[in-house]
N, C-alpha and C. Protein backbone atom coordinates (compact mmCIF):
# COMPACT_ATOMS: atom_id res chain seq x y z
N MET A 1 7.82 -16.47 22.91
CA MET A 1 8.51 -15.39 21.32
C MET A 1 9.32 -14.24 22.44
N GLU A 2 10.11 -14.13 21.23
CA GLU A 2 11.55 -13.22 21.51
C GLU A 2 11.02 -12.30 20.41
N TYR A 3 11.33 -10.86 20.99
CA TYR A 3 11.00 -9.56 20.55
C TYR A 3 11.84 -8.67 20.15
N LYS A 4 12.11 -7.97 19.19
CA LYS A 4 13.33 -7.27 18.93
C LYS A 4 13.45 -5.88 20.20
N GLU A 5 14.25 -5.10 21.14
CA GLU A 5 13.92 -4.42 22.00
C GLU A 5 13.15 -3.21 20.96
N ILE A 6 13.13 -2.27 19.95
CA ILE A 6 12.42 -1.55 19.70
C ILE A 6 10.66 -2.07 19.63
N GLN A 7 10.44 -2.78 19.19
CA GLN A 7 8.75 -3.69 19.81
C GLN A 7 8.87 -3.58 21.26
N LYS A 8 9.32 -3.02 21.83
CA LYS A 8 8.88 -4.13 23.61
C LYS A 8 8.66 -3.08 24.47
N THR A 9 8.50 -1.65 24.44
CA THR A 9 7.57 -0.46 25.05
C THR A 9 7.43 0.44 24.31
N LYS A 10 6.05 1.10 24.38
CA LYS A 10 5.22 1.72 24.16
C LYS A 10 6.05 3.19 23.51
N ILE A 11 7.10 3.81 24.18
CA ILE A 11 7.78 4.51 24.11
C ILE A 11 9.12 3.95 22.72
N ALA A 12 9.57 3.42 23.18
CA ALA A 12 10.58 2.45 21.85
C ALA A 12 9.87 2.11 20.57
N ARG A 13 8.38 1.65 20.63
CA ARG A 13 8.07 1.78 19.49
C ARG A 13 7.59 3.28 18.49
N PHE A 14 7.43 4.21 19.67
CA PHE A 14 6.90 5.72 19.00
C PHE A 14 8.28 5.95 18.38
N ASN A 15 8.82 6.12 18.85
CA ASN A 15 10.34 6.79 18.63
C ASN A 15 11.00 6.26 17.09
N ASN A 16 10.48 4.86 17.00
CA ASN A 16 11.11 4.05 15.87
C ASN A 16 10.28 3.99 14.84
N PHE A 17 8.79 4.81 14.73
CA PHE A 17 7.96 4.66 13.87
C PHE A 17 6.62 3.48 13.31
N ILE A 18 6.75 2.17 14.53
CA ILE A 18 6.58 1.15 14.15
C ILE A 18 4.87 1.30 14.01
N GLN A 19 4.74 0.56 13.08
CA GLN A 19 3.24 0.47 12.85
C GLN A 19 2.58 -1.02 12.79
N VAL A 20 1.21 -0.95 13.33
CA VAL A 20 0.89 -1.91 13.20
C VAL A 20 -0.16 -2.35 12.25
N ARG A 21 -0.01 -3.54 11.54
CA ARG A 21 -0.54 -3.97 10.32
C ARG A 21 -1.18 -5.49 10.30
N ARG A 22 -2.34 -5.66 9.70
CA ARG A 22 -2.91 -7.13 9.59
C ARG A 22 -2.59 -7.75 8.44
N VAL A 23 -2.28 -8.70 8.41
CA VAL A 23 -2.08 -9.99 7.38
C VAL A 23 -3.29 -10.16 6.60
N LEU A 24 -3.31 -9.52 5.59
CA LEU A 24 -4.79 -9.40 4.63
C LEU A 24 -4.72 -11.08 3.65
N ASP A 25 -3.60 -11.23 3.26
CA ASP A 25 -3.39 -12.79 2.25
C ASP A 25 -1.89 -12.91 2.25
N ILE A 26 -1.56 -14.29 1.88
CA ILE A 26 -0.40 -14.83 1.84
C ILE A 26 -0.03 -15.52 0.54
N LYS A 27 0.34 -15.05 -0.18
CA LYS A 27 0.95 -15.52 -1.42
C LYS A 27 2.42 -16.02 -1.84
N GLY A 28 2.83 -16.91 -1.62
CA GLY A 28 3.79 -17.76 -1.47
C GLY A 28 4.20 -17.35 -0.61
N ASP A 29 5.42 -16.75 -0.14
CA ASP A 29 6.67 -15.88 0.93
C ASP A 29 6.20 -14.85 1.08
N HIS A 30 5.26 -14.11 0.09
CA HIS A 30 4.81 -12.66 0.55
C HIS A 30 3.35 -12.39 1.81
N LEU A 31 3.01 -11.71 2.50
CA LEU A 31 2.85 -11.43 2.74
C LEU A 31 2.09 -9.65 2.67
N ILE A 32 0.55 -9.94 2.46
CA ILE A 32 -0.36 -8.67 1.60
C ILE A 32 -0.87 -7.98 3.16
N PHE A 33 -0.56 -6.68 2.92
CA PHE A 33 -1.43 -5.87 4.13
C PHE A 33 -1.39 -4.39 3.21
N GLN A 34 -2.34 -3.99 4.09
CA GLN A 34 -3.61 -2.41 3.60
C GLN A 34 -1.65 -1.89 4.00
N LEU A 35 -1.76 -0.92 3.39
CA LEU A 35 -0.51 -0.08 3.24
C LEU A 35 -0.94 1.06 4.27
N TRP A 36 -1.80 2.32 4.05
CA TRP A 36 -2.43 3.21 4.34
C TRP A 36 -3.68 2.79 5.35
N PRO A 37 -3.61 3.31 6.59
CA PRO A 37 -4.90 3.25 6.90
C PRO A 37 -6.09 3.46 6.40
N ASN A 38 -6.23 4.65 5.47
CA ASN A 38 -7.51 5.16 5.18
C ASN A 38 -7.33 5.30 3.85
N SER A 39 -6.89 4.02 3.66
CA SER A 39 -7.23 3.90 1.97
C SER A 39 -7.15 2.26 1.82
N ASP A 40 -7.06 1.73 0.42
CA ASP A 40 -7.49 0.34 -0.07
C ASP A 40 -6.20 0.01 -0.77
N GLU A 41 -5.28 0.45 -0.76
CA GLU A 41 -3.81 0.72 -1.27
C GLU A 41 -3.17 -0.66 -0.35
N ARG A 42 -3.03 -1.74 -0.97
CA ARG A 42 -2.22 -3.02 -0.28
C ARG A 42 -0.85 -2.53 -0.99
N SER A 43 -0.26 -3.43 0.32
CA SER A 43 1.33 -3.87 -0.20
C SER A 43 1.81 -4.84 0.11
N TYR A 44 2.54 -5.48 0.05
CA TYR A 44 3.42 -6.85 0.64
C TYR A 44 5.20 -6.90 0.72
N ILE A 45 5.50 -7.28 1.73
CA ILE A 45 6.57 -7.73 2.23
C ILE A 45 6.61 -9.18 2.04
N LYS A 46 8.53 -9.78 1.65
CA LYS A 46 8.71 -10.80 1.86
C LYS A 46 9.17 -11.29 2.82
N VAL A 47 8.89 -12.53 3.28
CA VAL A 47 9.61 -13.09 4.42
C VAL A 47 9.81 -14.30 4.53
N SER A 48 10.81 -14.71 5.39
CA SER A 48 11.49 -16.55 4.92
C SER A 48 10.89 -17.23 5.91
N MET A 49 10.17 -17.14 6.72
CA MET A 49 9.29 -18.04 7.14
C MET A 49 7.47 -18.07 6.87
N PRO A 50 6.86 -17.56 5.84
CA PRO A 50 5.67 -17.01 5.45
C PRO A 50 4.73 -18.21 6.29
N GLU A 51 4.82 -19.89 6.46
CA GLU A 51 4.21 -20.78 7.42
C GLU A 51 3.98 -20.40 8.63
N THR A 52 4.42 -20.16 9.46
CA THR A 52 4.44 -18.88 10.22
C THR A 52 3.49 -18.57 10.79
N TYR A 53 2.98 -17.81 9.79
CA TYR A 53 2.09 -16.95 9.47
C TYR A 53 0.93 -17.18 9.06
N LYS A 54 -0.50 -16.33 9.97
CA LYS A 54 -1.94 -16.78 9.40
C LYS A 54 -2.61 -15.51 8.49
N ILE A 55 -3.87 -15.63 8.33
CA ILE A 55 -4.35 -14.44 7.63
C ILE A 55 -4.70 -14.08 9.07
N GLY A 56 -4.65 -12.73 9.26
CA GLY A 56 -5.15 -11.69 10.75
C GLY A 56 -4.46 -11.36 11.60
N ASP A 57 -2.90 -12.31 11.23
CA ASP A 57 -2.01 -12.17 12.37
C ASP A 57 -1.75 -10.54 12.16
N CYS A 58 -1.38 -10.03 13.52
CA CYS A 58 -0.61 -8.20 13.59
C CYS A 58 0.92 -8.47 13.62
N ILE A 59 1.60 -7.73 12.41
CA ILE A 59 3.11 -7.75 12.03
C ILE A 59 3.34 -6.26 12.41
N ASP A 60 4.64 -6.07 13.46
CA ASP A 60 5.05 -4.80 12.94
C ASP A 60 6.22 -3.96 11.70
N LEU A 61 5.40 -3.19 11.16
CA LEU A 61 6.13 -2.67 10.22
C LEU A 61 6.99 -0.83 10.53
N ILE A 62 7.88 -0.54 9.96
CA ILE A 62 8.16 1.12 10.01
C ILE A 62 7.84 1.18 8.50
N ILE A 63 7.13 2.15 8.11
CA ILE A 63 6.60 2.19 6.39
C ILE A 63 7.30 3.92 6.57
N GLU A 64 7.94 3.95 5.34
CA GLU A 64 8.38 5.32 4.84
C GLU A 64 8.05 5.54 4.01
N ARG A 65 7.26 6.47 3.88
CA ARG A 65 6.73 7.43 2.26
C ARG A 65 7.98 8.54 2.00
N MET A 66 8.37 8.12 0.58
CA MET A 66 9.64 8.49 -0.14
C MET A 66 8.71 9.44 -1.03
N SER A 67 7.69 9.26 -1.37
CA SER A 67 7.72 10.05 -2.48
C SER A 67 6.05 10.09 -2.26
N ARG A 68 5.39 10.79 -3.58
CA ARG A 68 3.74 10.04 -3.90
C ARG A 68 3.71 9.65 -4.15
N THR A 69 4.25 8.74 -5.01
CA THR A 69 3.62 7.27 -5.14
C THR A 69 4.99 6.37 -4.63
N SER A 70 5.95 6.09 -3.97
CA SER A 70 6.69 5.47 -3.10
C SER A 70 6.73 5.75 -1.95
N HIS A 71 6.92 4.30 -1.30
CA HIS A 71 7.18 3.84 0.02
C HIS A 71 8.14 2.67 0.31
N ARG A 72 8.65 2.99 1.30
CA ARG A 72 9.66 1.86 1.91
C ARG A 72 9.42 0.95 2.78
N VAL A 73 9.17 -0.16 2.97
CA VAL A 73 8.81 -0.68 4.70
C VAL A 73 10.05 -1.75 5.07
N THR A 74 10.06 -1.69 5.46
CA THR A 74 10.65 -2.56 6.93
C THR A 74 10.18 -3.73 7.97
N PHE A 75 10.53 -4.28 7.81
CA PHE A 75 10.03 -5.78 8.42
C PHE A 75 10.09 -5.71 9.57
N ILE A 76 9.40 -5.57 11.07
CA ILE A 76 10.00 -5.72 11.85
C ILE A 76 10.18 -7.46 12.74
N GLY A 77 8.97 -7.60 12.74
CA GLY A 77 8.46 -8.94 13.32
C GLY A 77 6.82 -8.54 13.51
N ARG A 78 7.03 -10.41 14.00
CA ARG A 78 5.12 -10.87 14.99
C ARG A 78 5.29 -9.52 15.81
N THR A 79 3.88 -8.95 15.66
CA THR A 79 2.99 -7.89 17.17
C THR A 79 3.01 -8.57 18.11
N PRO A 80 3.49 -8.03 19.33
CA PRO A 80 3.37 -8.47 21.17
C PRO A 80 2.07 -8.11 21.42
N GLU A 81 1.47 -9.25 21.76
CA GLU A 81 0.27 -9.63 21.79
C GLU A 81 -0.65 -7.99 22.97
N LYS A 82 0.55 -7.53 23.66
CA LYS A 82 -0.22 -6.17 24.75
C LYS A 82 -0.10 -4.96 23.49
N PHE A 83 0.29 -4.50 22.50
CA PHE A 83 0.29 -3.85 21.44
C PHE A 83 -0.97 -4.56 20.48
N ALA A 84 -1.09 -5.80 20.18
CA ALA A 84 -1.65 -5.88 18.77
C ALA A 84 -3.52 -5.34 19.25
N PRO A 85 -4.04 -5.24 18.02
CA PRO A 85 -5.77 -4.51 18.41
C PRO A 85 -6.29 -5.90 18.43
N ALA A 86 -7.31 -5.48 19.26
CA ALA A 86 -8.38 -6.80 19.39
C ALA A 86 -8.93 -7.25 18.28
N VAL A 87 -9.60 -7.99 17.98
CA VAL A 87 -9.97 -8.74 16.83
C VAL A 87 -11.19 -7.94 16.30
N GLY A 88 -11.28 -7.16 14.88
CA GLY A 88 -11.96 -6.41 15.00
C GLY A 88 -12.35 -4.88 15.08
N GLU A 89 -10.89 -5.08 15.72
CA GLU A 89 -10.56 -3.44 16.05
C GLU A 89 -9.80 -2.34 15.01
N ASN A 90 -10.48 -1.18 14.40
CA ASN A 90 -9.79 -0.15 13.39
C ASN A 90 -8.69 -0.18 13.55
N ILE A 91 -7.31 -0.49 12.66
CA ILE A 91 -6.29 0.21 13.18
C ILE A 91 -5.72 1.16 12.29
N SER A 92 -5.36 2.03 12.54
CA SER A 92 -5.36 3.25 12.35
C SER A 92 -4.04 4.13 13.03
């Protein structure tokens, strides 16, 4: 699998504010994920090929809080294996 340059190194990921999230559910062409690590709030993002993802996969996102009640999510792609947390490991 080919990854974007901003996903390949720990420094690039940090500098570009990339966060890892697990896919919690798939509804149509939307991936559902936990928005903030310490809350139950969920969000979703539309992808062009949802059939290539499954529940439990890790995805890379840039999540920006715009205000107290709104946020902007940029989908980067599937998380490279070396940055994906182990199964059952808490993502924060």
